[in-house]
Amino acid sequence: MLLTDKCYSREGLVFCKEDFSRRFGTRCAGCSQPIPPTQVVRRAQDNVYHLQCFACFICSRQLSTGDEFYLMDDKKLVCKADYEAAKARDGNQKRPRTTITAKQLETLRSAYSQSPKPSRHVREQLSQDTGLDMRVIQVWFQNRRAKDKRMKKEEDQMPGTATSPTTPTPGDDNHSTSGFSLGDSSGAEILTPGFPHSSSCND
């Protein structure tokens, strides 16, 4: 193509205005498509959006100047109303519970007898051995320590009563350990905490 108008040079190559903009120009954070230099855009922090892409990804409502919104880690935008509604729904959901099998429980008890407060390295090894999440193992040890502390306190309140060592029975431990919502660990929650911003328009 013979260039008769303005041209642009980069890396030893010459480009027309359209090709240079397509290859090296600013891209929309919403659709990843190039943004022509003359096009009106909206900004959220360091991100630039086409006007039509500057919209809540939940309700698809286009955000206007003065609207409050949340900028997610993946650069998606959420209007304040949808963000707060989604967080409220997530907070009302019951947290899943993890059932610990007898074999897993035996492994945890054995580790507890060696150290009631295992190091992170030990917990990681237990996670590999049992297939349980690290957080579940941590909660199990916390619950077991609290139970032993409570039992010791009850024994101390009974002076003159001799007690003999007892072997834990299957019912001694809580086989169900409180789990956690998706947003606590996996990052798969629809919305992650953000900060409200006011939209701005750059002509």
N, C-alpha and C. Protein backbone atom coordinates (compact mmCIF):
# COMPACT_ATOMS: atom_id res chain seq x y z
N MET A 1 0.85 -1.20 0.00
CA MET A 1 0.00 0.00 0.00
C MET A 1 0.88 1.24 0.00
N LEU A 2 0.66 2.14 -0.95
CA LEU A 2 1.41 3.37 -1.04
C LEU A 2 0.83 4.39 -0.06
N LEU A 3 1.70 4.91 0.82
CA LEU A 3 1.25 5.85 1.83
C LEU A 3 1.27 7.27 1.27
N THR A 4 0.13 7.92 1.27
CA THR A 4 0.04 9.30 0.77
C THR A 4 -0.33 10.27 1.88
N ASP A 5 -0.66 9.74 3.07
CA ASP A 5 -1.04 10.58 4.20
C ASP A 5 -0.01 10.40 5.30
N LYS A 6 -0.39 10.69 6.52
CA LYS A 6 0.51 10.52 7.64
C LYS A 6 0.87 9.05 7.80
N CYS A 7 2.12 8.80 8.19
CA CYS A 7 2.54 7.43 8.44
C CYS A 7 3.23 7.37 9.80
N TYR A 8 3.35 6.15 10.30
CA TYR A 8 3.93 5.93 11.62
C TYR A 8 5.01 4.86 11.51
N SER A 9 6.06 5.04 12.27
CA SER A 9 7.18 4.11 12.21
C SER A 9 7.45 3.51 13.59
N ARG A 10 7.67 2.21 13.61
CA ARG A 10 8.07 1.53 14.85
C ARG A 10 8.79 0.24 14.48
N GLU A 11 9.87 -0.02 15.22
CA GLU A 11 10.66 -1.24 15.03
C GLU A 11 11.12 -1.40 13.58
N GLY A 12 11.41 -0.27 12.95
CA GLY A 12 11.93 -0.30 11.59
C GLY A 12 10.88 -0.50 10.52
N LEU A 13 9.60 -0.50 10.91
CA LEU A 13 8.51 -0.70 9.95
C LEU A 13 7.66 0.56 9.86
N VAL A 14 7.04 0.75 8.71
CA VAL A 14 6.19 1.92 8.49
C VAL A 14 4.74 1.45 8.40
N PHE A 15 3.83 2.17 9.10
CA PHE A 15 2.42 1.78 9.16
C PHE A 15 1.55 2.97 8.80
N CYS A 16 0.41 2.68 8.20
CA CYS A 16 -0.61 3.72 8.05
C CYS A 16 -1.26 3.94 9.41
N LYS A 17 -2.06 4.97 9.52
CA LYS A 17 -2.67 5.33 10.80
C LYS A 17 -3.54 4.22 11.35
N GLU A 18 -4.35 3.58 10.49
CA GLU A 18 -5.27 2.54 10.95
C GLU A 18 -4.53 1.31 11.47
N ASP A 19 -3.51 0.87 10.72
CA ASP A 19 -2.76 -0.32 11.13
C ASP A 19 -1.94 -0.06 12.39
N PHE A 20 -1.38 1.14 12.47
CA PHE A 20 -0.59 1.46 13.66
C PHE A 20 -1.49 1.48 14.90
N SER A 21 -2.67 2.05 14.77
CA SER A 21 -3.61 2.10 15.89
C SER A 21 -4.06 0.70 16.28
N ARG A 22 -4.29 -0.16 15.28
CA ARG A 22 -4.75 -1.51 15.55
C ARG A 22 -3.68 -2.34 16.26
N ARG A 23 -2.42 -2.12 15.89
CA ARG A 23 -1.34 -2.93 16.46
C ARG A 23 -0.81 -2.38 17.79
N PHE A 24 -0.66 -1.09 17.89
CA PHE A 24 0.03 -0.50 19.03
C PHE A 24 -0.83 0.46 19.84
N GLY A 25 -2.04 0.74 19.40
CA GLY A 25 -2.87 1.71 20.09
C GLY A 25 -3.48 1.17 21.38
N THR A 26 -4.17 2.04 22.08
CA THR A 26 -4.85 1.67 23.32
C THR A 26 -5.97 0.69 23.04
N ARG A 27 -6.11 -0.30 23.92
CA ARG A 27 -7.18 -1.28 23.76
C ARG A 27 -8.18 -1.16 24.91
N CYS A 28 -9.42 -1.43 24.58
CA CYS A 28 -10.49 -1.36 25.57
C CYS A 28 -10.32 -2.47 26.61
N ALA A 29 -10.43 -2.10 27.88
CA ALA A 29 -10.30 -3.09 28.95
C ALA A 29 -11.50 -4.02 29.01
N GLY A 30 -12.59 -3.63 28.34
CA GLY A 30 -13.78 -4.46 28.35
C GLY A 30 -13.81 -5.50 27.26
N CYS A 31 -13.53 -5.09 26.02
CA CYS A 31 -13.63 -6.00 24.88
C CYS A 31 -12.28 -6.32 24.25
N SER A 32 -11.22 -5.65 24.70
CA SER A 32 -9.85 -5.87 24.21
C SER A 32 -9.65 -5.40 22.77
N GLN A 33 -10.61 -4.68 22.20
CA GLN A 33 -10.48 -4.18 20.84
C GLN A 33 -9.79 -2.80 20.85
N PRO A 34 -9.11 -2.44 19.74
CA PRO A 34 -8.43 -1.14 19.68
C PRO A 34 -9.41 0.02 19.83
N ILE A 35 -8.91 1.11 20.37
CA ILE A 35 -9.71 2.32 20.50
C ILE A 35 -9.08 3.41 19.64
N PRO A 36 -9.77 3.89 18.62
CA PRO A 36 -9.22 4.96 17.77
C PRO A 36 -8.88 6.19 18.60
N PRO A 37 -7.82 6.90 18.24
CA PRO A 37 -7.39 8.07 19.02
C PRO A 37 -8.46 9.15 19.14
N THR A 38 -9.37 9.24 18.18
CA THR A 38 -10.37 10.30 18.20
C THR A 38 -11.66 9.90 18.91
N GLN A 39 -11.74 8.66 19.37
CA GLN A 39 -12.99 8.18 19.96
C GLN A 39 -13.10 8.59 21.43
N VAL A 40 -14.32 8.97 21.84
CA VAL A 40 -14.57 9.32 23.23
C VAL A 40 -14.55 8.05 24.08
N VAL A 41 -13.90 8.12 25.22
CA VAL A 41 -13.75 6.93 26.07
C VAL A 41 -14.13 7.27 27.51
N ARG A 42 -14.22 6.24 28.31
CA ARG A 42 -14.37 6.40 29.76
C ARG A 42 -13.24 5.65 30.43
N ARG A 43 -12.88 6.11 31.61
CA ARG A 43 -11.73 5.53 32.32
C ARG A 43 -12.13 5.09 33.72
N ALA A 44 -11.47 4.02 34.19
CA ALA A 44 -11.57 3.56 35.57
C ALA A 44 -10.16 3.23 36.01
N GLN A 45 -9.61 4.08 36.86
CA GLN A 45 -8.20 3.99 37.24
C GLN A 45 -7.35 4.05 35.97
N ASP A 46 -6.52 3.01 35.72
CA ASP A 46 -5.65 3.02 34.54
C ASP A 46 -6.29 2.34 33.34
N ASN A 47 -7.52 1.93 33.46
CA ASN A 47 -8.20 1.21 32.39
C ASN A 47 -9.05 2.15 31.53
N VAL A 48 -9.05 1.88 30.23
CA VAL A 48 -9.81 2.70 29.28
C VAL A 48 -10.87 1.82 28.62
N TYR A 49 -12.07 2.36 28.44
CA TYR A 49 -13.19 1.59 27.90
C TYR A 49 -13.88 2.35 26.77
N HIS A 50 -14.41 1.59 25.78
CA HIS A 50 -15.37 2.18 24.86
C HIS A 50 -16.59 2.61 25.67
N LEU A 51 -17.33 3.57 25.16
CA LEU A 51 -18.54 4.00 25.87
C LEU A 51 -19.51 2.84 26.06
N GLN A 52 -19.69 2.02 25.02
CA GLN A 52 -20.64 0.91 25.12
C GLN A 52 -20.14 -0.21 26.02
N CYS A 53 -18.83 -0.27 26.25
CA CYS A 53 -18.26 -1.31 27.12
C CYS A 53 -18.22 -0.88 28.58
N PHE A 54 -18.44 0.39 28.81
CA PHE A 54 -18.40 0.91 30.18
C PHE A 54 -19.77 0.67 30.81
N ALA A 55 -20.03 -0.61 31.14
CA ALA A 55 -21.35 -1.01 31.64
C ALA A 55 -21.19 -2.09 32.70
N CYS A 56 -22.20 -2.21 33.55
CA CYS A 56 -22.23 -3.25 34.58
C CYS A 56 -22.35 -4.61 33.90
N PHE A 57 -21.47 -5.55 34.24
CA PHE A 57 -21.49 -6.84 33.55
C PHE A 57 -22.59 -7.75 34.09
N ILE A 58 -23.27 -7.34 35.16
CA ILE A 58 -24.37 -8.14 35.70
C ILE A 58 -25.70 -7.73 35.06
N CYS A 59 -26.02 -6.44 35.12
CA CYS A 59 -27.29 -5.98 34.59
C CYS A 59 -27.16 -5.34 33.21
N SER A 60 -25.93 -5.16 32.73
CA SER A 60 -25.64 -4.59 31.40
C SER A 60 -26.02 -3.13 31.28
N ARG A 61 -26.34 -2.48 32.39
CA ARG A 61 -26.69 -1.05 32.33
C ARG A 61 -25.44 -0.23 32.08
N GLN A 62 -25.50 0.65 31.09
CA GLN A 62 -24.36 1.51 30.79
C GLN A 62 -24.19 2.54 31.90
N LEU A 63 -22.97 2.68 32.38
CA LEU A 63 -22.69 3.59 33.48
C LEU A 63 -22.47 5.00 32.95
N SER A 64 -23.03 5.95 33.66
CA SER A 64 -22.93 7.35 33.25
C SER A 64 -22.08 8.13 34.24
N THR A 65 -21.72 9.33 33.85
CA THR A 65 -20.93 10.20 34.72
C THR A 65 -21.66 10.40 36.06
N GLY A 66 -20.94 10.19 37.15
CA GLY A 66 -21.51 10.35 38.47
C GLY A 66 -21.99 9.05 39.09
N ASP A 67 -22.14 7.99 38.29
CA ASP A 67 -22.56 6.69 38.84
C ASP A 67 -21.43 6.08 39.67
N GLU A 68 -21.82 5.43 40.75
CA GLU A 68 -20.84 4.70 41.56
C GLU A 68 -20.79 3.26 41.08
N PHE A 69 -19.57 2.74 41.00
CA PHE A 69 -19.42 1.37 40.53
C PHE A 69 -18.21 0.74 41.20
N TYR A 70 -18.07 -0.56 41.01
CA TYR A 70 -16.93 -1.29 41.56
C TYR A 70 -16.12 -1.87 40.40
N LEU A 71 -14.81 -1.72 40.50
CA LEU A 71 -13.89 -2.25 39.50
C LEU A 71 -13.32 -3.57 40.03
N MET A 72 -13.62 -4.67 39.33
CA MET A 72 -13.17 -5.99 39.76
C MET A 72 -11.72 -6.25 39.33
N ASP A 73 -11.14 -7.30 39.88
CA ASP A 73 -9.77 -7.65 39.54
C ASP A 73 -9.61 -8.00 38.06
N ASP A 74 -10.67 -8.52 37.45
CA ASP A 74 -10.60 -8.87 36.02
C ASP A 74 -11.01 -7.71 35.13
N LYS A 75 -11.06 -6.50 35.69
CA LYS A 75 -11.36 -5.26 34.98
C LYS A 75 -12.83 -5.11 34.62
N LYS A 76 -13.67 -6.04 35.07
CA LYS A 76 -15.10 -5.89 34.84
C LYS A 76 -15.66 -4.87 35.80
N LEU A 77 -16.77 -4.23 35.38
CA LEU A 77 -17.40 -3.19 36.16
C LEU A 77 -18.73 -3.69 36.71
N VAL A 78 -19.05 -3.31 37.94
CA VAL A 78 -20.31 -3.69 38.55
C VAL A 78 -20.92 -2.45 39.19
N CYS A 79 -22.18 -2.18 38.87
CA CYS A 79 -22.83 -1.02 39.47
C CYS A 79 -23.00 -1.27 40.97
N LYS A 80 -23.13 -0.21 41.73
CA LYS A 80 -23.18 -0.33 43.19
C LYS A 80 -24.35 -1.19 43.65
N ALA A 81 -25.51 -1.05 43.01
CA ALA A 81 -26.70 -1.79 43.43
C ALA A 81 -26.49 -3.30 43.27
N ASP A 82 -25.95 -3.72 42.12
CA ASP A 82 -25.73 -5.15 41.88
C ASP A 82 -24.64 -5.71 42.77
N TYR A 83 -23.62 -4.91 43.02
CA TYR A 83 -22.52 -5.37 43.88
C TYR A 83 -23.03 -5.65 45.29
N GLU A 84 -23.78 -4.70 45.84
CA GLU A 84 -24.27 -4.87 47.21
C GLU A 84 -25.29 -6.01 47.29
N ALA A 85 -26.11 -6.17 46.25
CA ALA A 85 -27.08 -7.26 46.25
C ALA A 85 -26.38 -8.62 46.19
N ALA A 86 -25.34 -8.72 45.39
CA ALA A 86 -24.61 -9.99 45.27
C ALA A 86 -23.88 -10.32 46.56
N LYS A 87 -23.30 -9.33 47.21
CA LYS A 87 -22.62 -9.57 48.49
C LYS A 87 -23.61 -10.00 49.54
N ALA A 88 -24.81 -9.42 49.54
CA ALA A 88 -25.83 -9.80 50.51
C ALA A 88 -26.27 -11.24 50.30
N ARG A 89 -26.44 -11.65 49.04
CA ARG A 89 -26.82 -13.03 48.75
C ARG A 89 -25.74 -14.00 49.18
N ASP A 90 -24.50 -13.63 48.92
CA ASP A 90 -23.39 -14.50 49.30
C ASP A 90 -23.29 -14.65 50.81
N GLY A 91 -23.56 -13.55 51.53
CA GLY A 91 -23.49 -13.60 52.99
C GLY A 91 -24.59 -14.44 53.60
N ASN A 92 -25.72 -14.58 52.90
CA ASN A 92 -26.84 -15.36 53.44
C ASN A 92 -26.74 -16.85 53.12
N GLN A 93 -25.81 -17.22 52.23
CA GLN A 93 -25.67 -18.62 51.89
C GLN A 93 -25.00 -19.38 53.04
N LYS A 94 -25.50 -20.59 53.32
CA LYS A 94 -24.89 -21.42 54.34
C LYS A 94 -23.56 -21.95 53.82
N ARG A 95 -22.60 -21.97 54.71
CA ARG A 95 -21.29 -22.44 54.32
C ARG A 95 -21.28 -23.97 54.26
N PRO A 96 -20.66 -24.51 53.23
CA PRO A 96 -20.64 -25.97 53.10
C PRO A 96 -19.84 -26.61 54.22
N ARG A 97 -20.16 -27.87 54.54
CA ARG A 97 -19.46 -28.59 55.58
C ARG A 97 -18.71 -29.75 54.96
N THR A 98 -17.53 -30.01 55.52
CA THR A 98 -16.70 -31.08 55.03
C THR A 98 -16.80 -32.28 55.97
N THR A 99 -17.13 -33.43 55.44
CA THR A 99 -17.22 -34.65 56.24
C THR A 99 -15.87 -35.35 56.26
N ILE A 100 -15.37 -35.62 57.47
CA ILE A 100 -14.09 -36.29 57.64
C ILE A 100 -14.34 -37.78 57.86
N THR A 101 -13.71 -38.61 57.06
CA THR A 101 -13.90 -40.05 57.17
C THR A 101 -13.11 -40.60 58.36
N ALA A 102 -13.41 -41.85 58.72
CA ALA A 102 -12.74 -42.48 59.85
C ALA A 102 -11.24 -42.58 59.60
N LYS A 103 -10.85 -42.90 58.38
CA LYS A 103 -9.43 -43.03 58.07
C LYS A 103 -8.73 -41.68 58.16
N GLN A 104 -9.37 -40.63 57.65
CA GLN A 104 -8.80 -39.29 57.74
C GLN A 104 -8.69 -38.86 59.20
N LEU A 105 -9.72 -39.20 59.98
CA LEU A 105 -9.75 -38.84 61.40
C LEU A 105 -8.62 -39.52 62.16
N GLU A 106 -8.35 -40.76 61.82
CA GLU A 106 -7.26 -41.49 62.47
C GLU A 106 -5.92 -40.81 62.20
N THR A 107 -5.72 -40.37 60.96
CA THR A 107 -4.48 -39.67 60.61
C THR A 107 -4.35 -38.36 61.37
N LEU A 108 -5.45 -37.62 61.49
CA LEU A 108 -5.41 -36.35 62.22
C LEU A 108 -5.16 -36.56 63.70
N ARG A 109 -5.78 -37.58 64.28
CA ARG A 109 -5.56 -37.87 65.70
C ARG A 109 -4.11 -38.24 65.98
N SER A 110 -3.54 -39.04 65.08
CA SER A 110 -2.15 -39.44 65.25
C SER A 110 -1.23 -38.23 65.22
N ALA A 111 -1.50 -37.30 64.28
CA ALA A 111 -0.69 -36.09 64.19
C ALA A 111 -0.90 -35.20 65.41
N TYR A 112 -2.12 -35.16 65.92
CA TYR A 112 -2.43 -34.33 67.09
C TYR A 112 -1.71 -34.84 68.32
N SER A 113 -1.59 -36.17 68.46
CA SER A 113 -0.90 -36.74 69.63
C SER A 113 0.58 -36.38 69.62
N GLN A 114 1.13 -36.13 68.43
CA GLN A 114 2.53 -35.74 68.33
C GLN A 114 2.71 -34.24 68.54
N SER A 115 1.76 -33.46 68.03
CA SER A 115 1.83 -32.00 68.21
C SER A 115 0.45 -31.39 68.04
N PRO A 116 -0.12 -30.82 69.12
CA PRO A 116 -1.44 -30.18 69.02
C PRO A 116 -1.44 -28.95 68.12
N LYS A 117 -0.25 -28.37 67.89
CA LYS A 117 -0.16 -27.19 67.03
C LYS A 117 0.89 -27.45 65.95
N PRO A 118 0.51 -28.19 64.93
CA PRO A 118 1.47 -28.54 63.89
C PRO A 118 1.88 -27.34 63.05
N SER A 119 3.09 -27.43 62.52
CA SER A 119 3.59 -26.35 61.66
C SER A 119 2.89 -26.40 60.31
N ARG A 120 3.09 -25.37 59.54
CA ARG A 120 2.47 -25.31 58.21
C ARG A 120 2.96 -26.48 57.35
N HIS A 121 4.25 -26.81 57.48
CA HIS A 121 4.78 -27.92 56.70
C HIS A 121 4.05 -29.22 57.04
N VAL A 122 3.79 -29.44 58.33
CA VAL A 122 3.09 -30.65 58.75
C VAL A 122 1.66 -30.64 58.23
N ARG A 123 1.00 -29.47 58.27
CA ARG A 123 -0.37 -29.38 57.78
C ARG A 123 -0.43 -29.64 56.27
N GLU A 124 0.58 -29.16 55.55
CA GLU A 124 0.63 -29.42 54.12
C GLU A 124 0.77 -30.92 53.85
N GLN A 125 1.60 -31.59 54.66
CA GLN A 125 1.77 -33.03 54.49
C GLN A 125 0.48 -33.77 54.83
N LEU A 126 -0.20 -33.32 55.88
CA LEU A 126 -1.49 -33.92 56.24
C LEU A 126 -2.52 -33.73 55.13
N SER A 127 -2.48 -32.57 54.50
CA SER A 127 -3.40 -32.29 53.40
C SER A 127 -3.17 -33.27 52.25
N GLN A 128 -1.90 -33.55 51.97
CA GLN A 128 -1.58 -34.50 50.90
C GLN A 128 -1.99 -35.92 51.29
N ASP A 129 -1.76 -36.28 52.56
CA ASP A 129 -2.05 -37.64 53.02
C ASP A 129 -3.55 -37.93 53.09
N THR A 130 -4.32 -36.92 53.48
CA THR A 130 -5.75 -37.13 53.71
C THR A 130 -6.64 -36.66 52.56
N GLY A 131 -6.10 -35.76 51.72
CA GLY A 131 -6.92 -35.19 50.65
C GLY A 131 -7.82 -34.07 51.14
N LEU A 132 -7.64 -33.65 52.40
CA LEU A 132 -8.45 -32.57 52.95
C LEU A 132 -7.80 -31.22 52.66
N ASP A 133 -8.61 -30.20 52.57
CA ASP A 133 -8.11 -28.86 52.36
C ASP A 133 -7.32 -28.40 53.58
N MET A 134 -6.31 -27.57 53.34
CA MET A 134 -5.49 -27.05 54.43
C MET A 134 -6.33 -26.32 55.48
N ARG A 135 -7.31 -25.58 55.02
CA ARG A 135 -8.17 -24.82 55.93
C ARG A 135 -8.99 -25.76 56.81
N VAL A 136 -9.46 -26.86 56.25
CA VAL A 136 -10.23 -27.83 57.02
C VAL A 136 -9.37 -28.44 58.11
N ILE A 137 -8.13 -28.77 57.77
CA ILE A 137 -7.20 -29.34 58.76
C ILE A 137 -6.92 -28.34 59.87
N GLN A 138 -6.71 -27.09 59.50
CA GLN A 138 -6.44 -26.06 60.50
C GLN A 138 -7.62 -25.90 61.47
N VAL A 139 -8.83 -25.90 60.93
CA VAL A 139 -10.02 -25.77 61.77
C VAL A 139 -10.18 -26.98 62.68
N TRP A 140 -9.87 -28.18 62.17
CA TRP A 140 -10.00 -29.39 62.99
C TRP A 140 -9.07 -29.31 64.19
N PHE A 141 -7.83 -28.90 63.99
CA PHE A 141 -6.88 -28.79 65.10
C PHE A 141 -7.32 -27.71 66.09
N GLN A 142 -7.84 -26.60 65.58
CA GLN A 142 -8.33 -25.54 66.47
C GLN A 142 -9.47 -26.06 67.33
N ASN A 143 -10.41 -26.77 66.71
CA ASN A 143 -11.54 -27.32 67.46
C ASN A 143 -11.09 -28.35 68.49
N ARG A 144 -10.13 -29.19 68.12
CA ARG A 144 -9.65 -30.23 69.03
C ARG A 144 -8.93 -29.61 70.23
N ARG A 145 -8.12 -28.58 69.99
CA ARG A 145 -7.43 -27.92 71.10
C ARG A 145 -8.44 -27.26 72.04
N ALA A 146 -9.46 -26.63 71.45
CA ALA A 146 -10.49 -25.99 72.27
C ALA A 146 -11.24 -27.02 73.10
N LYS A 147 -11.51 -28.18 72.53
CA LYS A 147 -12.22 -29.24 73.26
C LYS A 147 -11.38 -29.77 74.41
N ASP A 148 -10.09 -30.02 74.16
CA ASP A 148 -9.21 -30.50 75.23
C ASP A 148 -9.09 -29.48 76.34
N LYS A 149 -9.02 -28.22 75.98
CA LYS A 149 -8.92 -27.17 76.98
C LYS A 149 -10.19 -27.11 77.83
N ARG A 150 -11.33 -27.26 77.17
CA ARG A 150 -12.60 -27.25 77.89
C ARG A 150 -12.71 -28.45 78.83
N MET A 151 -12.30 -29.62 78.39
CA MET A 151 -12.36 -30.82 79.22
C MET A 151 -11.43 -30.71 80.42
N LYS A 152 -10.26 -30.14 80.21
CA LYS A 152 -9.31 -29.96 81.32
C LYS A 152 -9.87 -29.00 82.36
N LYS A 153 -10.54 -27.96 81.88
CA LYS A 153 -11.13 -26.99 82.79
C LYS A 153 -12.23 -27.64 83.62
N GLU A 154 -13.01 -28.50 83.00
CA GLU A 154 -14.09 -29.19 83.73
C GLU A 154 -13.51 -30.15 84.76
N GLU A 155 -12.40 -30.82 84.45
CA GLU A 155 -11.76 -31.71 85.40
C GLU A 155 -11.20 -30.95 86.59
N ASP A 156 -10.63 -29.77 86.33
CA ASP A 156 -10.06 -28.97 87.41
C ASP A 156 -11.13 -28.47 88.37
N GLN A 157 -12.36 -28.38 87.89
CA GLN A 157 -13.45 -27.90 88.73
C GLN A 157 -14.05 -29.02 89.58
N MET A 158 -13.49 -30.22 89.51
CA MET A 158 -13.99 -31.36 90.29
C MET A 158 -12.87 -31.88 91.19
N PRO A 159 -12.53 -31.17 92.28
CA PRO A 159 -11.44 -31.57 93.18
C PRO A 159 -11.75 -32.91 93.85
N GLY A 160 -10.69 -33.70 94.02
CA GLY A 160 -10.84 -34.97 94.73
C GLY A 160 -11.31 -36.09 93.85
N THR A 161 -11.58 -35.84 92.59
CA THR A 161 -12.06 -36.89 91.71
C THR A 161 -10.92 -37.35 90.82
N ALA A 162 -10.52 -38.58 90.99
CA ALA A 162 -9.43 -39.10 90.18
C ALA A 162 -9.96 -39.55 88.84
N THR A 163 -9.23 -39.24 87.83
CA THR A 163 -9.63 -39.64 86.49
C THR A 163 -8.54 -40.49 85.88
N SER A 164 -8.93 -41.43 85.09
CA SER A 164 -7.95 -42.29 84.42
C SER A 164 -7.92 -41.95 82.95
N PRO A 165 -6.78 -42.19 82.34
CA PRO A 165 -6.69 -41.89 80.90
C PRO A 165 -7.77 -42.63 80.13
N THR A 166 -8.32 -41.96 79.16
CA THR A 166 -9.37 -42.56 78.34
C THR A 166 -8.94 -42.57 76.89
N THR A 167 -9.44 -43.53 76.17
CA THR A 167 -9.17 -43.61 74.73
C THR A 167 -10.32 -42.95 73.99
N PRO A 168 -10.03 -42.02 73.12
CA PRO A 168 -11.11 -41.35 72.39
C PRO A 168 -11.93 -42.35 71.61
N THR A 169 -13.22 -42.16 71.64
CA THR A 169 -14.13 -42.98 70.86
C THR A 169 -14.51 -42.24 69.60
N PRO A 170 -15.05 -42.96 68.61
CA PRO A 170 -15.40 -42.29 67.34
C PRO A 170 -16.29 -41.09 67.52
N GLY A 171 -17.02 -41.03 68.62
CA GLY A 171 -17.92 -39.90 68.80
C GLY A 171 -17.27 -38.70 69.44
N ASP A 172 -15.96 -38.85 69.83
CA ASP A 172 -15.30 -37.77 70.54
C ASP A 172 -15.01 -36.58 69.65
N ASP A 173 -14.81 -36.82 68.37
CA ASP A 173 -14.43 -35.73 67.48
C ASP A 173 -15.60 -35.33 66.62
N ASN A 174 -15.59 -34.10 66.25
CA ASN A 174 -16.62 -33.60 65.34
C ASN A 174 -16.23 -33.99 63.93
N HIS A 175 -16.97 -34.91 63.31
CA HIS A 175 -16.61 -35.38 61.99
C HIS A 175 -16.94 -34.35 60.91
N SER A 176 -17.69 -33.35 61.25
CA SER A 176 -18.02 -32.32 60.27
C SER A 176 -17.33 -31.04 60.67
N THR A 177 -16.50 -30.53 59.79
CA THR A 177 -15.77 -29.31 60.07
C THR A 177 -16.35 -28.19 59.23
N SER A 178 -16.59 -27.07 59.87
CA SER A 178 -17.17 -25.95 59.13
C SER A 178 -16.29 -25.61 57.95
N GLY A 179 -16.91 -25.43 56.82
CA GLY A 179 -16.17 -25.06 55.63
C GLY A 179 -16.15 -23.56 55.47
N PHE A 180 -16.13 -23.10 54.22
CA PHE A 180 -16.03 -21.66 53.98
C PHE A 180 -16.60 -21.36 52.63
N SER A 181 -17.00 -20.11 52.43
CA SER A 181 -17.59 -19.72 51.15
C SER A 181 -16.52 -19.65 50.08
N LEU A 182 -16.94 -19.69 48.82
CA LEU A 182 -15.99 -19.69 47.73
C LEU A 182 -15.08 -18.49 47.77
N GLY A 183 -15.60 -17.35 48.25
CA GLY A 183 -14.80 -16.15 48.25
C GLY A 183 -13.70 -16.17 49.28
N ASP A 184 -13.74 -17.09 50.28
CA ASP A 184 -12.73 -17.10 51.31
C ASP A 184 -11.41 -17.67 50.84
N SER A 185 -11.41 -18.58 49.84
CA SER A 185 -10.16 -19.24 49.51
C SER A 185 -9.91 -19.36 48.02
N SER A 186 -10.91 -19.72 47.31
CA SER A 186 -10.64 -20.08 45.92
C SER A 186 -10.58 -18.90 44.98
N GLY A 187 -11.15 -17.74 45.38
CA GLY A 187 -11.18 -16.60 44.48
C GLY A 187 -12.21 -16.73 43.40
N ALA A 188 -13.08 -17.76 43.49
CA ALA A 188 -14.07 -18.00 42.46
C ALA A 188 -15.37 -17.26 42.70
N GLU A 189 -15.41 -16.48 43.73
CA GLU A 189 -16.62 -15.72 44.03
C GLU A 189 -16.92 -14.76 42.89
N ILE A 190 -18.19 -14.54 42.62
CA ILE A 190 -18.57 -13.68 41.50
C ILE A 190 -17.97 -12.29 41.66
N LEU A 191 -18.02 -11.80 42.90
CA LEU A 191 -17.52 -10.47 43.15
C LEU A 191 -16.43 -10.52 44.20
N THR A 192 -15.38 -9.73 44.00
CA THR A 192 -14.35 -9.63 45.00
C THR A 192 -14.38 -8.23 45.58
N PRO A 193 -13.90 -8.05 46.82
CA PRO A 193 -13.97 -6.72 47.43
C PRO A 193 -13.31 -5.68 46.55
N GLY A 194 -13.94 -4.55 46.43
CA GLY A 194 -13.39 -3.46 45.63
C GLY A 194 -13.72 -2.14 46.28
N PHE A 195 -13.45 -1.08 45.59
CA PHE A 195 -13.71 0.24 46.12
C PHE A 195 -14.53 1.03 45.11
N PRO A 196 -15.52 1.77 45.58
CA PRO A 196 -16.35 2.50 44.63
C PRO A 196 -15.58 3.62 43.94
N HIS A 197 -15.84 3.81 42.68
CA HIS A 197 -15.22 4.89 41.92
C HIS A 197 -16.31 5.66 41.20
N SER A 198 -16.05 6.90 40.94
CA SER A 198 -16.95 7.67 40.10
C SER A 198 -16.44 7.64 38.69
N SER A 199 -17.31 7.38 37.75
CA SER A 199 -16.88 7.30 36.37
C SER A 199 -16.48 8.67 35.86
N SER A 200 -15.54 8.66 34.92
CA SER A 200 -15.09 9.92 34.34
C SER A 200 -15.07 9.78 32.83
N CYS A 201 -15.25 10.86 32.16
CA CYS A 201 -15.31 10.82 30.70
C CYS A 201 -14.18 11.67 30.15
N ASN A 202 -13.43 11.13 29.22
CA ASN A 202 -12.33 11.84 28.61
C ASN A 202 -12.66 12.06 27.13
N ASP A 203 -12.91 13.26 26.77
CA ASP A 203 -13.25 13.54 25.37
C ASP A 203 -12.03 13.37 24.49
